[in-house]
Every structure is written in C-alpha cells, then in structure tokens.
Amino acid sequence: TPQTFQALKLKNLYQSLSEEEKNILTDAAKIFVMKGEKV
C-alpha cells in the first residue's frame, strides 16, 4: 500500500457487489479488477 482511488467510483463499485463477491475480497483494488476497471 498505498492503494488510491476515486472515492465515488470505489463506493459505487463496492455497492454493486454481491455478498458472495464481497466475501472473497482481500483489498479494495480487487474491486476494480473484478469489475474490469484499470488499476
């Protein structure tokens, strides 16, 4: 770390995840990768 994000985009992506997807997260960058966003 650090891991750095546009906060609004991170919030929206996180809220779009299913509970199953949230349970396999290890960090916030993975949210972007799972949703096909560039990191």
PDB file of all heavy atoms in Angstrom:
ATOM      1  N   THR A   1       0.877  -1.168   0.000  1.00  0.00           N
ATOM      2  CA  THR A   1       0.000   0.000   0.000  1.00  0.00           C
ATOM      3  C   THR A   1       0.913   1.216   0.000  1.00  0.00           C
ATOM      4  O   THR A   1       2.101   1.077   0.332  1.00  0.00           O
ATOM      5  CB  THR A   1      -0.949   0.059   1.231  1.00  0.00           C
ATOM      6  OG1 THR A   1      -0.197   0.152   2.433  1.00  0.00           O
ATOM      7  CG2 THR A   1      -1.863  -1.159   1.280  1.00  0.00           C
ATOM      8  N   PRO A   2       0.409   2.370  -0.421  1.00  0.00           N
ATOM      9  CA  PRO A   2      -0.979   2.787  -0.573  1.00  0.00           C
ATOM     10  C   PRO A   2      -1.685   2.170  -1.787  1.00  0.00           C
ATOM     11  O   PRO A   2      -1.049   1.762  -2.745  1.00  0.00           O
ATOM     12  CB  PRO A   2      -0.872   4.309  -0.756  1.00  0.00           C
ATOM     13  CG  PRO A   2       0.478   4.693  -0.271  1.00  0.00           C
ATOM     14  CD  PRO A   2       1.332   3.525  -0.557  1.00  0.00           C
ATOM     15  N   GLN A   3      -3.016   2.146  -1.664  1.00  0.00           N
ATOM     16  CA  GLN A   3      -3.916   1.927  -2.780  1.00  0.00           C
ATOM     17  C   GLN A   3      -4.782   3.175  -2.857  1.00  0.00           C
ATOM     18  O   GLN A   3      -5.313   3.626  -1.843  1.00  0.00           O
ATOM     19  CB  GLN A   3      -4.788   0.691  -2.563  1.00  0.00           C
ATOM     20  CG  GLN A   3      -4.004  -0.605  -2.531  1.00  0.00           C
ATOM     21  CD  GLN A   3      -4.922  -1.808  -2.365  1.00  0.00           C
ATOM     22  OE1 GLN A   3      -5.973  -1.730  -1.721  1.00  0.00           O
ATOM     23  NE2 GLN A   3      -4.526  -2.921  -2.953  1.00  0.00           N
ATOM     24  N   THR A   4      -4.914   3.721  -4.047  1.00  0.00           N
ATOM     25  CA  THR A   4      -5.541   5.039  -4.172  1.00  0.00           C
ATOM     26  C   THR A   4      -6.653   4.999  -5.215  1.00  0.00           C
ATOM     27  O   THR A   4      -6.501   4.384  -6.271  1.00  0.00           O
ATOM     28  CB  THR A   4      -4.468   6.091  -4.528  1.00  0.00           C
ATOM     29  OG1 THR A   4      -3.473   6.071  -3.502  1.00  0.00           O
ATOM     30  CG2 THR A   4      -5.057   7.473  -4.626  1.00  0.00           C
ATOM     31  N   PHE A   5      -7.773   5.671  -4.889  1.00  0.00           N
ATOM     32  CA  PHE A   5      -8.969   5.543  -5.723  1.00  0.00           C
ATOM     33  C   PHE A   5      -9.732   6.857  -5.814  1.00  0.00           C
ATOM     34  O   PHE A   5      -9.694   7.681  -4.894  1.00  0.00           O
ATOM     35  CB  PHE A   5      -9.924   4.504  -5.117  1.00  0.00           C
ATOM     36  CG  PHE A   5      -9.270   3.217  -4.713  1.00  0.00           C
ATOM     37  CD1 PHE A   5      -8.916   2.988  -3.390  1.00  0.00           C
ATOM     38  CD2 PHE A   5      -8.992   2.248  -5.660  1.00  0.00           C
ATOM     39  CE1 PHE A   5      -8.307   1.799  -3.014  1.00  0.00           C
ATOM     40  CE2 PHE A   5      -8.380   1.058  -5.302  1.00  0.00           C
ATOM     41  CZ  PHE A   5      -8.032   0.833  -3.965  1.00  0.00           C
ATOM     42  N   GLN A   6     -10.460   6.998  -6.919  1.00  0.00           N
ATOM     43  CA  GLN A   6     -11.518   7.991  -6.963  1.00  0.00           C
ATOM     44  C   GLN A   6     -12.620   7.464  -6.045  1.00  0.00           C
ATOM     45  O   GLN A   6     -13.192   6.402  -6.289  1.00  0.00           O
ATOM     46  CB  GLN A   6     -12.029   8.172  -8.388  1.00  0.00           C
ATOM     47  CG  GLN A   6     -11.037   8.851  -9.320  1.00  0.00           C
ATOM     48  CD  GLN A   6     -11.533   8.985 -10.740  1.00  0.00           C
ATOM     49  OE1 GLN A   6     -12.562   8.415 -11.103  1.00  0.00           O
ATOM     50  NE2 GLN A   6     -10.800   9.725 -11.563  1.00  0.00           N
ATOM     51  N   ALA A   7     -12.900   8.185  -4.982  1.00  0.00           N
ATOM     52  CA  ALA A   7     -13.741   7.662  -3.908  1.00  0.00           C
ATOM     53  C   ALA A   7     -15.165   7.342  -4.347  1.00  0.00           C
ATOM     54  O   ALA A   7     -15.742   6.318  -3.956  1.00  0.00           O
ATOM     55  CB  ALA A   7     -13.760   8.649  -2.741  1.00  0.00           C
ATOM     56  N   LEU A   8     -15.746   8.211  -5.164  1.00  0.00           N
ATOM     57  CA  LEU A   8     -17.122   7.983  -5.606  1.00  0.00           C
ATOM     58  C   LEU A   8     -17.215   6.725  -6.459  1.00  0.00           C
ATOM     59  O   LEU A   8     -18.160   5.929  -6.316  1.00  0.00           O
ATOM     60  CB  LEU A   8     -17.620   9.201  -6.389  1.00  0.00           C
ATOM     61  CG  LEU A   8     -19.070   9.144  -6.886  1.00  0.00           C
ATOM     62  CD1 LEU A   8     -20.027   8.967  -5.720  1.00  0.00           C
ATOM     63  CD2 LEU A   8     -19.409  10.419  -7.672  1.00  0.00           C
ATOM     64  N   LYS A   9     -16.237   6.514  -7.320  1.00  0.00           N
ATOM     65  CA  LYS A   9     -16.229   5.321  -8.164  1.00  0.00           C
ATOM     66  C   LYS A   9     -16.067   4.060  -7.313  1.00  0.00           C
ATOM     67  O   LYS A   9     -16.754   3.054  -7.541  1.00  0.00           O
ATOM     68  CB  LYS A   9     -15.097   5.407  -9.187  1.00  0.00           C
ATOM     69  CG  LYS A   9     -15.154   4.351 -10.277  1.00  0.00           C
ATOM     70  CD  LYS A   9     -14.142   4.673 -11.366  1.00  0.00           C
ATOM     71  CE  LYS A   9     -14.346   3.750 -12.562  1.00  0.00           C
ATOM     72  NZ  LYS A   9     -13.413   4.084 -13.666  1.00  0.00           N
ATOM     73  N   LEU A  10     -15.175   4.120  -6.326  1.00  0.00           N
ATOM     74  CA  LEU A  10     -14.995   2.968  -5.432  1.00  0.00           C
ATOM     75  C   LEU A  10     -16.286   2.667  -4.689  1.00  0.00           C
ATOM     76  O   LEU A  10     -16.695   1.502  -4.579  1.00  0.00           O
ATOM     77  CB  LEU A  10     -13.867   3.251  -4.440  1.00  0.00           C
ATOM     78  CG  LEU A  10     -13.656   2.194  -3.354  1.00  0.00           C
ATOM     79  CD1 LEU A  10     -13.341   0.830  -3.960  1.00  0.00           C
ATOM     80  CD2 LEU A  10     -12.549   2.621  -2.395  1.00  0.00           C
ATOM     81  N   LYS A  11     -16.933   3.680  -4.174  1.00  0.00           N
ATOM     82  CA  LYS A  11     -18.191   3.482  -3.451  1.00  0.00           C
ATOM     83  C   LYS A  11     -19.231   2.804  -4.342  1.00  0.00           C
ATOM     84  O   LYS A  11     -19.884   1.828  -3.943  1.00  0.00           O
ATOM     85  CB  LYS A  11     -18.728   4.816  -2.947  1.00  0.00           C
ATOM     86  CG  LYS A  11     -20.088   4.721  -2.268  1.00  0.00           C
ATOM     87  CD  LYS A  11     -20.667   6.092  -1.970  1.00  0.00           C
ATOM     88  CE  LYS A  11     -22.091   5.966  -1.434  1.00  0.00           C
ATOM     89  NZ  LYS A  11     -22.720   7.284  -1.200  1.00  0.00           N
ATOM     90  N   ASN A  12     -19.394   3.304  -5.560  1.00  0.00           N
ATOM     91  CA  ASN A  12     -20.405   2.747  -6.468  1.00  0.00           C
ATOM     92  C   ASN A  12     -20.080   1.306  -6.852  1.00  0.00           C
ATOM     93  O   ASN A  12     -20.978   0.450  -6.914  1.00  0.00           O
ATOM     94  CB  ASN A  12     -20.519   3.616  -7.719  1.00  0.00           C
ATOM     95  CG  ASN A  12     -21.135   4.976  -7.426  1.00  0.00           C
ATOM     96  OD1 ASN A  12     -21.847   5.140  -6.431  1.00  0.00           O
ATOM     97  ND2 ASN A  12     -20.876   5.947  -8.276  1.00  0.00           N
ATOM     98  N   LEU A  13     -18.797   1.028  -7.116  1.00  0.00           N
ATOM     99  CA  LEU A  13     -18.402  -0.339  -7.459  1.00  0.00           C
ATOM    100  C   LEU A  13     -18.629  -1.284  -6.288  1.00  0.00           C
ATOM    101  O   LEU A  13     -19.120  -2.409  -6.466  1.00  0.00           O
ATOM    102  CB  LEU A  13     -16.930  -0.379  -7.888  1.00  0.00           C
ATOM    103  CG  LEU A  13     -16.587   0.240  -9.240  1.00  0.00           C
ATOM    104  CD1 LEU A  13     -15.077   0.237  -9.458  1.00  0.00           C
ATOM    105  CD2 LEU A  13     -17.290  -0.496 -10.381  1.00  0.00           C
ATOM    106  N   TYR A  14     -18.281  -0.833  -5.086  1.00  0.00           N
ATOM    107  CA  TYR A  14     -18.452  -1.687  -3.903  1.00  0.00           C
ATOM    108  C   TYR A  14     -19.931  -1.996  -3.672  1.00  0.00           C
ATOM    109  O   TYR A  14     -20.299  -3.144  -3.377  1.00  0.00           O
ATOM    110  CB  TYR A  14     -17.857  -1.005  -2.675  1.00  0.00           C
ATOM    111  CG  TYR A  14     -17.913  -1.862  -1.429  1.00  0.00           C
ATOM    112  CD1 TYR A  14     -17.048  -2.948  -1.272  1.00  0.00           C
ATOM    113  CD2 TYR A  14     -18.823  -1.596  -0.415  1.00  0.00           C
ATOM    114  CE1 TYR A  14     -17.091  -3.751  -0.133  1.00  0.00           C
ATOM    115  CE2 TYR A  14     -18.875  -2.386   0.728  1.00  0.00           C
ATOM    116  CZ  TYR A  14     -18.007  -3.450   0.866  1.00  0.00           C
ATOM    117  OH  TYR A  14     -18.063  -4.247   2.002  1.00  0.00           O
ATOM    118  N   GLN A  15     -20.773  -0.999  -3.836  1.00  0.00           N
ATOM    119  CA  GLN A  15     -22.205  -1.213  -3.609  1.00  0.00           C
ATOM    120  C   GLN A  15     -22.825  -2.112  -4.673  1.00  0.00           C
ATOM    121  O   GLN A  15     -23.899  -2.686  -4.442  1.00  0.00           O
ATOM    122  CB  GLN A  15     -22.926   0.132  -3.552  1.00  0.00           C
ATOM    123  CG  GLN A  15     -22.588   0.940  -2.308  1.00  0.00           C
ATOM    124  CD  GLN A  15     -23.277   2.287  -2.253  1.00  0.00           C
ATOM    125  OE1 GLN A  15     -23.754   2.803  -3.270  1.00  0.00           O
ATOM    126  NE2 GLN A  15     -23.343   2.880  -1.070  1.00  0.00           N
ATOM    127  N   SER A  16     -22.162  -2.263  -5.815  1.00  0.00           N
ATOM    128  CA  SER A  16     -22.679  -3.128  -6.877  1.00  0.00           C
ATOM    129  C   SER A  16     -22.314  -4.597  -6.667  1.00  0.00           C
ATOM    130  O   SER A  16     -22.830  -5.474  -7.376  1.00  0.00           O
ATOM    131  CB  SER A  16     -22.142  -2.666  -8.240  1.00  0.00           C
ATOM    132  OG  SER A  16     -20.773  -3.018  -8.407  1.00  0.00           O
ATOM    133  N   LEU A  17     -21.441  -4.879  -5.703  1.00  0.00           N
ATOM    134  CA  LEU A  17     -21.006  -6.252  -5.467  1.00  0.00           C
ATOM    135  C   LEU A  17     -22.075  -7.065  -4.748  1.00  0.00           C
ATOM    136  O   LEU A  17     -22.819  -6.544  -3.905  1.00  0.00           O
ATOM    137  CB  LEU A  17     -19.733  -6.270  -4.610  1.00  0.00           C
ATOM    138  CG  LEU A  17     -18.458  -5.640  -5.190  1.00  0.00           C
ATOM    139  CD1 LEU A  17     -17.365  -5.626  -4.130  1.00  0.00           C
ATOM    140  CD2 LEU A  17     -17.999  -6.387  -6.425  1.00  0.00           C
ATOM    141  N   SER A  18     -22.113  -8.350  -5.043  1.00  0.00           N
ATOM    142  CA  SER A  18     -22.962  -9.259  -4.279  1.00  0.00           C
ATOM    143  C   SER A  18     -22.261  -9.593  -2.960  1.00  0.00           C
ATOM    144  O   SER A  18     -21.061  -9.359  -2.804  1.00  0.00           O
ATOM    145  CB  SER A  18     -23.206 -10.546  -5.075  1.00  0.00           C
ATOM    146  OG  SER A  18     -21.987 -11.278  -5.222  1.00  0.00           O
ATOM    147  N   GLU A  19     -22.993 -10.163  -2.015  1.00  0.00           N
ATOM    148  CA  GLU A  19     -22.382 -10.561  -0.745  1.00  0.00           C
ATOM    149  C   GLU A  19     -21.315 -11.624  -0.978  1.00  0.00           C
ATOM    150  O   GLU A  19     -20.288 -11.636  -0.301  1.00  0.00           O
ATOM    151  CB  GLU A  19     -23.455 -11.087   0.217  1.00  0.00           C
ATOM    152  CG  GLU A  19     -24.345 -10.016   0.794  1.00  0.00           C
ATOM    153  CD  GLU A  19     -23.557  -8.919   1.513  1.00  0.00           C
ATOM    154  OE1 GLU A  19     -22.668  -9.253   2.308  1.00  0.00           O
ATOM    155  OE2 GLU A  19     -23.840  -7.732   1.263  1.00  0.00           O
ATOM    156  N   GLU A  20     -21.547 -12.495  -1.947  1.00  0.00           N
ATOM    157  CA  GLU A  20     -20.562 -13.527  -2.273  1.00  0.00           C
ATOM    158  C   GLU A  20     -19.271 -12.894  -2.786  1.00  0.00           C
ATOM    159  O   GLU A  20     -18.169 -13.311  -2.410  1.00  0.00           O
ATOM    160  CB  GLU A  20     -21.135 -14.486  -3.324  1.00  0.00           C
ATOM    161  CG  GLU A  20     -20.205 -15.645  -3.677  1.00  0.00           C
ATOM    162  CD  GLU A  20     -20.802 -16.581  -4.698  1.00  0.00           C
ATOM    163  OE1 GLU A  20     -21.958 -16.371  -5.119  1.00  0.00           O
ATOM    164  OE2 GLU A  20     -20.104 -17.540  -5.088  1.00  0.00           O
ATOM    165  N   GLU A  21     -19.400 -11.878  -3.626  1.00  0.00           N
ATOM    166  CA  GLU A  21     -18.217 -11.183  -4.137  1.00  0.00           C
ATOM    167  C   GLU A  21     -17.485 -10.449  -3.025  1.00  0.00           C
ATOM    168  O   GLU A  21     -16.244 -10.441  -2.959  1.00  0.00           O
ATOM    169  CB  GLU A  21     -18.628 -10.206  -5.244  1.00  0.00           C
ATOM    170  CG  GLU A  21     -19.017 -10.877  -6.547  1.00  0.00           C
ATOM    171  CD  GLU A  21     -19.548  -9.898  -7.564  1.00  0.00           C
ATOM    172  OE1 GLU A  21     -20.296  -8.964  -7.180  1.00  0.00           O
ATOM    173  OE2 GLU A  21     -19.230 -10.055  -8.758  1.00  0.00           O
ATOM    174  N   LYS A  22     -18.224  -9.831  -2.119  1.00  0.00           N
ATOM    175  CA  LYS A  22     -17.600  -9.125  -1.005  1.00  0.00           C
ATOM    176  C   LYS A  22     -16.802 -10.073  -0.120  1.00  0.00           C
ATOM    177  O   LYS A  22     -15.759  -9.705   0.427  1.00  0.00           O
ATOM    178  CB  LYS A  22     -18.659  -8.403  -0.167  1.00  0.00           C
ATOM    179  CG  LYS A  22     -19.279  -7.203  -0.858  1.00  0.00           C
ATOM    180  CD  LYS A  22     -20.342  -6.549   0.013  1.00  0.00           C
ATOM    181  CE  LYS A  22     -20.980  -5.360  -0.695  1.00  0.00           C
ATOM    182  NZ  LYS A  22     -22.042  -4.724   0.121  1.00  0.00           N
ATOM    183  N   ASN A  23     -17.285 -11.301   0.008  1.00  0.00           N
ATOM    184  CA  ASN A  23     -16.632 -12.264   0.898  1.00  0.00           C
ATOM    185  C   ASN A  23     -15.288 -12.759   0.384  1.00  0.00           C
ATOM    186  O   ASN A  23     -14.496 -13.305   1.155  1.00  0.00           O
ATOM    187  CB  ASN A  23     -17.554 -13.462   1.147  1.00  0.00           C
ATOM    188  CG  ASN A  23     -18.738 -13.117   2.030  1.00  0.00           C
ATOM    189  OD1 ASN A  23     -18.682 -12.167   2.807  1.00  0.00           O
ATOM    190  ND2 ASN A  23     -19.819 -13.873   1.900  1.00  0.00           N
ATOM    191  N   ILE A  24     -15.013 -12.587  -0.917  1.00  0.00           N
ATOM    192  CA  ILE A  24     -13.733 -13.061  -1.448  1.00  0.00           C
ATOM    193  C   ILE A  24     -12.725 -11.919  -1.626  1.00  0.00           C
ATOM    194  O   ILE A  24     -11.629 -12.139  -2.109  1.00  0.00           O
ATOM    195  CB  ILE A  24     -13.916 -13.803  -2.796  1.00  0.00           C
ATOM    196  CG1 ILE A  24     -14.450 -12.849  -3.879  1.00  0.00           C
ATOM    197  CG2 ILE A  24     -14.821 -15.016  -2.631  1.00  0.00           C
ATOM    198  CD1 ILE A  24     -14.454 -13.456  -5.271  1.00  0.00           C
ATOM    199  N   LEU A  25     -13.110 -10.728  -1.204  1.00  0.00           N
ATOM    200  CA  LEU A  25     -12.209  -9.588  -1.355  1.00  0.00           C
ATOM    201  C   LEU A  25     -11.055  -9.666  -0.361  1.00  0.00           C
ATOM    202  O   LEU A  25     -11.234 -10.037   0.792  1.00  0.00           O
ATOM    203  CB  LEU A  25     -12.967  -8.281  -1.120  1.00  0.00           C
ATOM    204  CG  LEU A  25     -13.983  -7.869  -2.176  1.00  0.00           C
ATOM    205  CD1 LEU A  25     -14.718  -6.610  -1.729  1.00  0.00           C
ATOM    206  CD2 LEU A  25     -13.309  -7.625  -3.510  1.00  0.00           C
ATOM    207  N   THR A  26      -9.865  -9.294  -0.824  1.00  0.00           N
ATOM    208  CA  THR A  26      -8.717  -9.166   0.062  1.00  0.00           C
ATOM    209  C   THR A  26      -8.303  -7.708   0.222  1.00  0.00           C
ATOM    210  O   THR A  26      -7.698  -7.336   1.226  1.00  0.00           O
ATOM    211  CB  THR A  26      -7.513  -9.969  -0.477  1.00  0.00           C
ATOM    212  OG1 THR A  26      -7.290  -9.603  -1.851  1.00  0.00           O
ATOM    213  CG2 THR A  26      -7.775 -11.459  -0.384  1.00  0.00           C
ATOM    214  N   ASP A  27      -8.623  -6.903  -0.761  1.00  0.00           N
ATOM    215  CA  ASP A  27      -8.344  -5.470  -0.662  1.00  0.00           C
ATOM    216  C   ASP A  27      -9.235  -4.715  -1.644  1.00  0.00           C
ATOM    217  O   ASP A  27      -9.986  -5.308  -2.416  1.00  0.00           O
ATOM    218  CB  ASP A  27      -6.855  -5.163  -0.892  1.00  0.00           C
ATOM    219  CG  ASP A  27      -6.374  -5.572  -2.276  1.00  0.00           C
ATOM    220  OD1 ASP A  27      -7.169  -5.522  -3.229  1.00  0.00           O
ATOM    221  OD2 ASP A  27      -5.197  -5.939  -2.403  1.00  0.00           O
ATOM    222  N   ALA A  28      -9.153  -3.394  -1.595  1.00  0.00           N
ATOM    223  CA  ALA A  28     -10.051  -2.574  -2.408  1.00  0.00           C
ATOM    224  C   ALA A  28      -9.687  -2.592  -3.889  1.00  0.00           C
ATOM    225  O   ALA A  28     -10.563  -2.460  -4.748  1.00  0.00           O
ATOM    226  CB  ALA A  28     -10.054  -1.140  -1.881  1.00  0.00           C
ATOM    227  N   ALA A  29      -8.412  -2.744  -4.212  1.00  0.00           N
ATOM    228  CA  ALA A  29      -8.018  -2.763  -5.624  1.00  0.00           C
ATOM    229  C   ALA A  29      -8.700  -3.910  -6.374  1.00  0.00           C
ATOM    230  O   ALA A  29      -9.007  -3.791  -7.563  1.00  0.00           O
ATOM    231  CB  ALA A  29      -6.504  -2.872  -5.751  1.00  0.00           C
ATOM    232  N   LYS A  30      -8.947  -5.000  -5.663  1.00  0.00           N
ATOM    233  CA  LYS A  30      -9.580  -6.161  -6.304  1.00  0.00           C
ATOM    234  C   LYS A  30     -10.991  -5.825  -6.774  1.00  0.00           C
ATOM    235  O   LYS A  30     -11.483  -6.426  -7.740  1.00  0.00           O
ATOM    236  CB  LYS A  30      -9.594  -7.355  -5.350  1.00  0.00           C
ATOM    237  CG  LYS A  30     -10.025  -8.652  -6.007  1.00  0.00           C
ATOM    238  CD  LYS A  30      -9.746  -9.855  -5.126  1.00  0.00           C
ATOM    239  CE  LYS A  30     -10.104 -11.153  -5.841  1.00  0.00           C
ATOM    240  NZ  LYS A  30      -9.736 -12.352  -5.050  1.00  0.00           N
ATOM    241  N   ILE A  31     -11.640  -4.885  -6.114  1.00  0.00           N
ATOM    242  CA  ILE A  31     -12.982  -4.476  -6.534  1.00  0.00           C
ATOM    243  C   ILE A  31     -12.932  -3.949  -7.961  1.00  0.00           C
ATOM    244  O   ILE A  31     -13.749  -4.311  -8.807  1.00  0.00           O
ATOM    245  CB  ILE A  31     -13.540  -3.403  -5.583  1.00  0.00           C
ATOM    246  CG1 ILE A  31     -13.652  -3.955  -4.160  1.00  0.00           C
ATOM    247  CG2 ILE A  31     -14.899  -2.899  -6.077  1.00  0.00           C
ATOM    248  CD1 ILE A  31     -13.962  -2.896  -3.119  1.00  0.00           C
ATOM    249  N   PHE A  32     -11.949  -3.098  -8.245  1.00  0.00           N
ATOM    250  CA  PHE A  32     -11.799  -2.538  -9.588  1.00  0.00           C
ATOM    251  C   PHE A  32     -11.474  -3.636 -10.601  1.00  0.00           C
ATOM    252  O   PHE A  32     -12.025  -3.660 -11.705  1.00  0.00           O
ATOM    253  CB  PHE A  32     -10.706  -1.473  -9.581  1.00  0.00           C
ATOM    254  CG  PHE A  32     -11.163  -0.131  -9.086  1.00  0.00           C
ATOM    255  CD1 PHE A  32     -11.407   0.075  -7.743  1.00  0.00           C
ATOM    256  CD2 PHE A  32     -11.358   0.919  -9.970  1.00  0.00           C
ATOM    257  CE1 PHE A  32     -11.826   1.313  -7.277  1.00  0.00           C
ATOM    258  CE2 PHE A  32     -11.780   2.165  -9.518  1.00  0.00           C
ATOM    259  CZ  PHE A  32     -12.020   2.358  -8.164  1.00  0.00           C
ATOM    260  N   VAL A  33     -10.574  -4.541 -10.229  1.00  0.00           N
ATOM    261  CA  VAL A  33     -10.173  -5.610 -11.143  1.00  0.00           C
ATOM    262  C   VAL A  33     -11.364  -6.519 -11.446  1.00  0.00           C
ATOM    263  O   VAL A  33     -11.591  -6.903 -12.602  1.00  0.00           O
ATOM    264  CB  VAL A  33      -9.003  -6.414 -10.540  1.00  0.00           C
ATOM    265  CG1 VAL A  33      -8.672  -7.625 -11.423  1.00  0.00           C
ATOM    266  CG2 VAL A  33      -7.768  -5.527 -10.395  1.00  0.00           C
ATOM    267  N   MET A  34     -12.141  -6.862 -10.419  1.00  0.00           N
ATOM    268  CA  MET A  34     -13.310  -7.732 -10.604  1.00  0.00           C
ATOM    269  C   MET A  34     -14.327  -7.112 -11.559  1.00  0.00           C
ATOM    270  O   MET A  34     -15.027  -7.817 -12.294  1.00  0.00           O
ATOM    271  CB  MET A  34     -13.974  -8.018  -9.254  1.00  0.00           C
ATOM    272  CG  MET A  34     -13.195  -8.963  -8.354  1.00  0.00           C
ATOM    273  SD  MET A  34     -13.848  -9.002  -6.658  1.00  0.00           S
ATOM    274  CE  MET A  34     -15.496  -9.651  -6.926  1.00  0.00           C
ATOM    275  N   LYS A  35     -14.400  -5.801 -11.556  1.00  0.00           N
ATOM    276  CA  LYS A  35     -15.383  -5.100 -12.384  1.00  0.00           C
ATOM    277  C   LYS A  35     -14.800  -4.637 -13.717  1.00  0.00           C
ATOM    278  O   LYS A  35     -15.426  -3.875 -14.451  1.00  0.00           O
ATOM    279  CB  LYS A  35     -15.945  -3.903 -11.616  1.00  0.00           C
ATOM    280  CG  LYS A  35     -16.780  -4.302 -10.395  1.00  0.00           C
ATOM    281  CD  LYS A  35     -17.984  -5.142 -10.797  1.00  0.00           C
ATOM    282  CE  LYS A  35     -18.836  -5.521  -9.610  1.00  0.00           C
ATOM    283  NZ  LYS A  35     -20.041  -6.301 -10.011  1.00  0.00           N
ATOM    284  N   GLY A  36     -13.584  -5.132 -14.026  1.00  0.00           N
ATOM    285  CA  GLY A  36     -12.996  -4.833 -15.320  1.00  0.00           C
ATOM    286  C   GLY A  36     -12.439  -3.432 -15.455  1.00  0.00           C
ATOM    287  O   GLY A  36     -12.224  -2.942 -16.574  1.00  0.00           O
ATOM    288  N   GLU A  37     -12.172  -2.766 -14.339  1.00  0.00           N
ATOM    289  CA  GLU A  37     -11.622  -1.417 -14.355  1.00  0.00           C
ATOM    290  C   GLU A  37     -10.095  -1.474 -14.290  1.00  0.00           C
ATOM    291  O   GLU A  37      -9.514  -2.375 -13.683  1.00  0.00           O
ATOM    292  CB  GLU A  37     -12.148  -0.606 -13.162  1.00  0.00           C
ATOM    293  CG  GLU A  37     -13.663  -0.431 -13.142  1.00  0.00           C
ATOM    294  CD  GLU A  37     -14.137   0.580 -14.160  1.00  0.00           C
ATOM    295  OE1 GLU A  37     -13.303   1.362 -14.674  1.00  0.00           O
ATOM    296  OE2 GLU A  37     -15.362   0.610 -14.434  1.00  0.00           O
ATOM    297  N   LYS A  38      -9.431  -0.488 -14.867  1.00  0.00           N
ATOM    298  CA  LYS A  38      -7.978  -0.453 -14.883  1.00  0.00           C
ATOM    299  C   LYS A  38      -7.433   0.008 -13.530  1.00  0.00           C
ATOM    300  O   LYS A  38      -7.971   0.923 -12.911  1.00  0.00           O
ATOM    301  CB  LYS A  38      -7.472   0.494 -15.977  1.00  0.00           C
ATOM    302  CG  LYS A  38      -7.757   0.002 -17.387  1.00  0.00           C
ATOM    303  CD  LYS A  38      -7.239   0.994 -18.424  1.00  0.00           C
ATOM    304  CE  LYS A  38      -7.522   0.494 -19.836  1.00  0.00           C
ATOM    305  NZ  LYS A  38      -7.065   1.462 -20.870  1.00  0.00           N
ATOM    306  N   VAL A  39      -6.377  -0.659 -13.087  1.00  0.00           N
ATOM    307  CA  VAL A  39      -5.664  -0.268 -11.867  1.00  0.00           C
ATOM    308  C   VAL A  39      -4.192  -0.102 -12.234  1.00  0.00           C
ATOM    309  O   VAL A  39      -3.532  -1.069 -12.615  1.00  0.00           O
ATOM    310  CB  VAL A  39      -5.816  -1.323 -10.747  1.00  0.00           C
ATOM    311  CG1 VAL A  39      -5.052  -0.872  -9.493  1.00  0.00           C
ATOM    312  CG2 VAL A  39      -7.290  -1.560 -10.412  1.00  0.00           C
TER     313      VAL A  39
END
